[in-house]
Amino acid sequence: MIHTVRALAGVTFAAFAVTATFPHPAAAEDLAEVSTAFRWLGKNDRVVIEAYDDPKVVSVTCYVSRARTGGVKGTVGLAEDKSEASIACRQVAPAVQFKEKLPVQEDVFSERMSILFKRLHVVRVVDARRNTLVYLTYSDKLIDGSPMNAVTAVPVSPTTPIPLK
């Protein structure tokens, strides 16, 4: 029994150590929510607006709106949110700056949408020819993803070329 507990503790510690070494996606900043349906128990169904600052591009923020399921299941985190999301990314300061070279395509934000396997993603794609950052949002599941998606673009000044890996 003691060996089993020690082995389990070792595996748990190793898992935390490994995840601590990976870069963590940007966290959402909750801006607002609008109630869409009343629920007797738990939170109401609602549309939330979240802001994500691009972790590698200074002065670009993405605003994502999406449905959140309420009720008892939604309040405790067991409900599955709908796959639809809307996105608008904007330059929020006078100049865009890059912290490092960017890959042509990168998953920059990811957030859980259900207790098991469903995630909302925001992917940054560099359109080097037009010197533009394109952001795509979609959701996926372990078995099948959703074709629901949205796209937005942030043009970068021609005097600031986007550094590519």
C-alpha atoms as a PDB file:
ATOM      1  CA  MET A   1       0.000   0.000   0.000  1.00  0.00           C
ATOM      2  CA  ILE A   2       2.796   2.423   0.934  1.00  0.00           C
ATOM      3  CA  HIS A   3       4.602   1.663  -2.327  1.00  0.00           C
ATOM      4  CA  THR A   4       1.429   2.407  -4.299  1.00  0.00           C
ATOM      5  CA  VAL A   5       0.962   5.748  -2.540  1.00  0.00           C
ATOM      6  CA  ARG A   6       4.620   6.691  -3.105  1.00  0.00           C
ATOM      7  CA  ALA A   7       4.422   5.703  -6.775  1.00  0.00           C
ATOM      8  CA  LEU A   8       1.225   7.719  -7.227  1.00  0.00           C
ATOM      9  CA  ALA A   9       2.829  10.733  -5.504  1.00  0.00           C
ATOM     10  CA  GLY A  10       5.884  10.414  -7.753  1.00  0.00           C
ATOM     11  CA  VAL A  11       3.780  10.275 -10.912  1.00  0.00           C
ATOM     12  CA  THR A  12       1.711  13.283  -9.762  1.00  0.00           C
ATOM     13  CA  PHE A  13       4.850  15.310  -8.989  1.00  0.00           C
ATOM     14  CA  ALA A  14       6.362  14.392 -12.375  1.00  0.00           C
ATOM     15  CA  ALA A  15       3.192  15.464 -14.193  1.00  0.00           C
ATOM     16  CA  PHE A  16       3.211  18.857 -12.449  1.00  0.00           C
ATOM     17  CA  ALA A  17       6.932  19.295 -13.139  1.00  0.00           C
ATOM     18  CA  VAL A  18       6.476  18.558 -16.845  1.00  0.00           C
ATOM     19  CA  THR A  19       3.503  20.904 -17.250  1.00  0.00           C
ATOM     20  CA  ALA A  20       5.359  23.676 -15.414  1.00  0.00           C
ATOM     21  CA  THR A  21       8.096  23.622 -18.074  1.00  0.00           C
ATOM     22  CA  PHE A  22       5.700  24.219 -20.983  1.00  0.00           C
ATOM     23  CA  PRO A  23       4.653  27.775 -21.844  1.00  0.00           C
ATOM     24  CA  HIS A  24       1.144  28.480 -20.625  1.00  0.00           C
ATOM     25  CA  PRO A  25      -1.344  30.123 -22.974  1.00  0.00           C
ATOM     26  CA  ALA A  26      -2.569  33.583 -22.109  1.00  0.00           C
ATOM     27  CA  ALA A  27      -5.355  33.744 -19.578  1.00  0.00           C
ATOM     28  CA  ALA A  28      -8.658  35.378 -20.436  1.00  0.00           C
ATOM     29  CA  GLU A  29      -9.678  38.628 -18.827  1.00  0.00           C
ATOM     30  CA  ASP A  30     -13.442  38.623 -18.303  1.00  0.00           C
ATOM     31  CA  LEU A  31     -14.839  41.943 -19.537  1.00  0.00           C
ATOM     32  CA  ALA A  32     -18.612  41.533 -19.433  1.00  0.00           C
ATOM     33  CA  GLU A  33     -21.481  39.084 -19.596  1.00  0.00           C
ATOM     34  CA  VAL A  34     -25.083  39.395 -20.728  1.00  0.00           C
ATOM     35  CA  SER A  35     -27.783  37.082 -19.394  1.00  0.00           C
ATOM     36  CA  THR A  36     -29.667  35.305 -22.193  1.00  0.00           C
ATOM     37  CA  ALA A  37     -31.898  32.817 -20.313  1.00  0.00           C
ATOM     38  CA  PHE A  38     -33.097  32.655 -16.728  1.00  0.00           C
ATOM     39  CA  ARG A  39     -32.280  29.542 -14.678  1.00  0.00           C
ATOM     40  CA  TRP A  40     -34.009  28.773 -11.365  1.00  0.00           C
ATOM     41  CA  LEU A  41     -30.903  27.107  -9.947  1.00  0.00           C
ATOM     42  CA  GLY A  42     -27.354  28.229 -10.610  1.00  0.00           C
ATOM     43  CA  LYS A  43     -26.178  30.943 -12.970  1.00  0.00           C
ATOM     44  CA  ASN A  44     -28.257  32.055 -15.946  1.00  0.00           C
ATOM     45  CA  ASP A  45     -27.237  31.146 -19.502  1.00  0.00           C
ATOM     46  CA  ARG A  46     -25.175  34.042 -20.810  1.00  0.00           C
ATOM     47  CA  VAL A  47     -22.884  35.460 -23.454  1.00  0.00           C
ATOM     48  CA  VAL A  48     -19.460  36.410 -22.109  1.00  0.00           C
ATOM     49  CA  ILE A  49     -16.874  38.769 -23.567  1.00  0.00           C
ATOM     50  CA  GLU A  50     -13.234  37.970 -22.809  1.00  0.00           C
ATOM     51  CA  ALA A  51     -10.001  39.755 -23.744  1.00  0.00           C
ATOM     52  CA  TYR A  52      -6.786  37.901 -24.585  1.00  0.00           C
ATOM     53  CA  ASP A  53      -3.501  39.757 -25.046  1.00  0.00           C
ATOM     54  CA  ASP A  54      -1.325  38.031 -27.637  1.00  0.00           C
ATOM     55  CA  PRO A  55       1.627  36.713 -25.607  1.00  0.00           C
ATOM     56  CA  LYS A  56       4.174  37.298 -28.398  1.00  0.00           C
ATOM     57  CA  VAL A  57       2.775  40.464 -29.991  1.00  0.00           C
ATOM     58  CA  VAL A  58       2.759  43.562 -27.804  1.00  0.00           C
ATOM     59  CA  SER A  59      -0.323  45.789 -28.286  1.00  0.00           C
ATOM     60  CA  VAL A  60      -2.605  43.221 -29.969  1.00  0.00           C
ATOM     61  CA  THR A  61      -5.654  42.110 -27.995  1.00  0.00           C
ATOM     62  CA  CYS A  62      -8.298  39.635 -29.127  1.00  0.00           C
ATOM     63  CA  TYR A  63     -11.875  39.967 -27.900  1.00  0.00           C
ATOM     64  CA  VAL A  64     -13.881  36.739 -27.917  1.00  0.00           C
ATOM     65  CA  SER A  65     -17.606  36.452 -27.231  1.00  0.00           C
ATOM     66  CA  ARG A  66     -19.217  33.084 -26.646  1.00  0.00           C
ATOM     67  CA  ALA A  67     -22.122  31.369 -24.955  1.00  0.00           C
ATOM     68  CA  ARG A  68     -21.805  29.946 -21.469  1.00  0.00           C
ATOM     69  CA  THR A  69     -24.358  27.445 -20.197  1.00  0.00           C
ATOM     70  CA  GLY A  70     -25.845  28.152 -16.775  1.00  0.00           C
ATOM     71  CA  GLY A  71     -27.942  26.084 -14.421  1.00  0.00           C
ATOM     72  CA  VAL A  72     -26.516  23.719 -11.851  1.00  0.00           C
ATOM     73  CA  LYS A  73     -24.294  21.911 -14.374  1.00  0.00           C
ATOM     74  CA  GLY A  74     -22.912  25.181 -15.740  1.00  0.00           C
ATOM     75  CA  THR A  75     -22.262  26.573 -12.274  1.00  0.00           C
ATOM     76  CA  VAL A  76     -20.181  23.565 -11.208  1.00  0.00           C
ATOM     77  CA  GLY A  77     -18.441  23.242 -14.585  1.00  0.00           C
ATOM     78  CA  LEU A  78     -20.127  20.101 -15.917  1.00  0.00           C
ATOM     79  CA  ALA A  79     -22.167  21.658 -18.755  1.00  0.00           C
ATOM     80  CA  GLU A  80     -20.901  21.680 -22.321  1.00  0.00           C
ATOM     81  CA  ASP A  81     -20.855  25.173 -23.819  1.00  0.00           C
ATOM     82  CA  LYS A  82     -21.939  25.742 -27.408  1.00  0.00           C
ATOM     83  CA  SER A  83     -19.243  25.757 -30.087  1.00  0.00           C
ATOM     84  CA  GLU A  84     -20.032  29.154 -31.566  1.00  0.00           C
ATOM     85  CA  ALA A  85     -17.664  32.055 -30.834  1.00  0.00           C
ATOM     86  CA  SER A  86     -16.998  35.452 -32.332  1.00  0.00           C
ATOM     87  CA  ILE A  87     -13.580  37.140 -32.420  1.00  0.00           C
ATOM     88  CA  ALA A  88     -12.242  40.639 -33.054  1.00  0.00           C
ATOM     89  CA  CYS A  89      -8.529  41.369 -32.640  1.00  0.00           C
ATOM     90  CA  ARG A  90      -7.262  44.935 -32.559  1.00  0.00           C
ATOM     91  CA  GLN A  91      -4.087  46.932 -32.208  1.00  0.00           C
ATOM     92  CA  VAL A  92      -4.558  48.648 -28.828  1.00  0.00           C
ATOM     93  CA  ALA A  93      -1.402  50.813 -28.688  1.00  0.00           C
ATOM     94  CA  PRO A  94       0.341  53.130 -31.170  1.00  0.00           C
ATOM     95  CA  ALA A  95       2.842  50.527 -32.415  1.00  0.00           C
ATOM     96  CA  VAL A  96       2.929  46.746 -32.727  1.00  0.00           C
ATOM     97  CA  GLN A  97       6.062  45.149 -31.289  1.00  0.00           C
ATOM     98  CA  PHE A  98       7.176  41.529 -31.382  1.00  0.00           C
ATOM     99  CA  LYS A  99       8.735  39.750 -28.387  1.00  0.00           C
ATOM    100  CA  GLU A 100      10.270  37.074 -30.616  1.00  0.00           C
ATOM    101  CA  LYS A 101      10.109  35.593 -34.105  1.00  0.00           C
ATOM    102  CA  LEU A 102       6.707  34.123 -34.928  1.00  0.00           C
ATOM    103  CA  PRO A 103       5.908  30.788 -36.548  1.00  0.00           C
ATOM    104  CA  VAL A 104       3.657  31.010 -39.604  1.00  0.00           C
ATOM    105  CA  GLN A 105       0.850  29.348 -37.604  1.00  0.00           C
ATOM    106  CA  GLU A 106       0.513  29.002 -33.841  1.00  0.00           C
ATOM    107  CA  ASP A 107      -2.212  28.124 -31.320  1.00  0.00           C
ATOM    108  CA  VAL A 108      -1.950  31.184 -29.037  1.00  0.00           C
ATOM    109  CA  PHE A 109      -4.968  30.757 -26.747  1.00  0.00           C
ATOM    110  CA  SER A 110      -6.863  27.688 -25.624  1.00  0.00           C
ATOM    111  CA  GLU A 111      -9.609  27.332 -23.032  1.00  0.00           C
ATOM    112  CA  ARG A 112     -11.718  24.434 -21.786  1.00  0.00           C
ATOM    113  CA  MET A 113     -15.389  24.530 -22.853  1.00  0.00           C
ATOM    114  CA  SER A 114     -16.562  21.349 -21.133  1.00  0.00           C
ATOM    115  CA  ILE A 115     -15.413  19.035 -18.380  1.00  0.00           C
ATOM    116  CA  LEU A 116     -14.052  16.541 -20.931  1.00  0.00           C
ATOM    117  CA  PHE A 117     -12.208  17.083 -24.196  1.00  0.00           C
ATOM    118  CA  LYS A 118     -13.821  20.218 -25.682  1.00  0.00           C
ATOM    119  CA  ARG A 119     -11.645  23.331 -26.097  1.00  0.00           C
ATOM    120  CA  LEU A 120     -11.892  26.770 -27.677  1.00  0.00           C
ATOM    121  CA  HIS A 121      -8.792  27.695 -29.687  1.00  0.00           C
ATOM    122  CA  VAL A 122      -7.471  30.937 -31.114  1.00  0.00           C
ATOM    123  CA  VAL A 123      -4.818  30.418 -33.784  1.00  0.00           C
ATOM    124  CA  ARG A 124      -2.528  33.161 -35.107  1.00  0.00           C
ATOM    125  CA  VAL A 125      -1.543  32.907 -38.785  1.00  0.00           C
ATOM    126  CA  VAL A 126       1.026  35.255 -40.297  1.00  0.00           C
ATOM    127  CA  ASP A 127       0.185  36.575 -43.766  1.00  0.00           C
ATOM    128  CA  ALA A 128       3.728  37.698 -44.620  1.00  0.00           C
ATOM    129  CA  ARG A 129       2.829  38.918 -48.116  1.00  0.00           C
ATOM    130  CA  ARG A 130       0.347  41.449 -46.694  1.00  0.00           C
ATOM    131  CA  ASN A 131       2.226  42.001 -43.384  1.00  0.00           C
ATOM    132  CA  THR A 132      -0.911  41.027 -41.473  1.00  0.00           C
ATOM    133  CA  LEU A 133      -1.695  38.895 -38.433  1.00  0.00           C
ATOM    134  CA  VAL A 134      -4.793  36.731 -38.955  1.00  0.00           C
ATOM    135  CA  TYR A 135      -6.581  35.184 -35.958  1.00  0.00           C
ATOM    136  CA  LEU A 136      -8.946  32.200 -36.251  1.00  0.00           C
ATOM    137  CA  THR A 137     -11.180  30.834 -33.493  1.00  0.00           C
ATOM    138  CA  TYR A 138     -12.723  27.350 -33.481  1.00  0.00           C
ATOM    139  CA  SER A 139     -13.598  24.579 -31.047  1.00  0.00           C
ATOM    140  CA  ASP A 140     -12.556  20.957 -31.040  1.00  0.00           C
ATOM    141  CA  LYS A 141     -13.474  17.705 -29.349  1.00  0.00           C
ATOM    142  CA  LEU A 142     -11.591  14.471 -28.911  1.00  0.00           C
ATOM    143  CA  ILE A 143     -13.811  12.750 -31.494  1.00  0.00           C
ATOM    144  CA  ASP A 144     -14.866  15.561 -33.805  1.00  0.00           C
ATOM    145  CA  GLY A 145     -14.461  19.316 -33.875  1.00  0.00           C
ATOM    146  CA  SER A 146     -16.940  21.953 -34.928  1.00  0.00           C
ATOM    147  CA  PRO A 147     -16.963  23.645 -38.323  1.00  0.00           C
ATOM    148  CA  MET A 148     -18.107  26.813 -36.512  1.00  0.00           C
ATOM    149  CA  ASN A 149     -15.307  29.360 -36.757  1.00  0.00           C
ATOM    150  CA  ALA A 150     -14.591  33.067 -36.983  1.00  0.00           C
ATOM    151  CA  VAL A 151     -11.661  35.035 -38.360  1.00  0.00           C
ATOM    152  CA  THR A 152     -10.231  38.530 -37.900  1.00  0.00           C
ATOM    153  CA  ALA A 153      -7.089  40.308 -39.070  1.00  0.00           C
ATOM    154  CA  VAL A 154      -4.710  42.936 -37.695  1.00  0.00           C
ATOM    155  CA  PRO A 155      -2.681  44.742 -40.364  1.00  0.00           C
ATOM    156  CA  VAL A 156       0.831  45.692 -39.257  1.00  0.00           C
ATOM    157  CA  SER A 157       2.515  48.859 -40.486  1.00  0.00           C
ATOM    158  CA  PRO A 158       4.748  48.292 -43.539  1.00  0.00           C
ATOM    159  CA  THR A 159       7.589  49.915 -41.577  1.00  0.00           C
ATOM    160  CA  THR A 160       7.387  47.040 -39.047  1.00  0.00           C
ATOM    161  CA  PRO A 161       7.886  43.735 -40.878  1.00  0.00           C
ATOM    162  CA  ILE A 162       6.652  40.666 -38.998  1.00  0.00           C
ATOM    163  CA  PRO A 163       9.656  38.583 -37.874  1.00  0.00           C
ATOM    164  CA  LEU A 164       9.209  34.943 -38.948  1.00  0.00           C
ATOM    165  CA  LYS A 165      10.898  31.798 -37.629  1.00  0.00           C
END
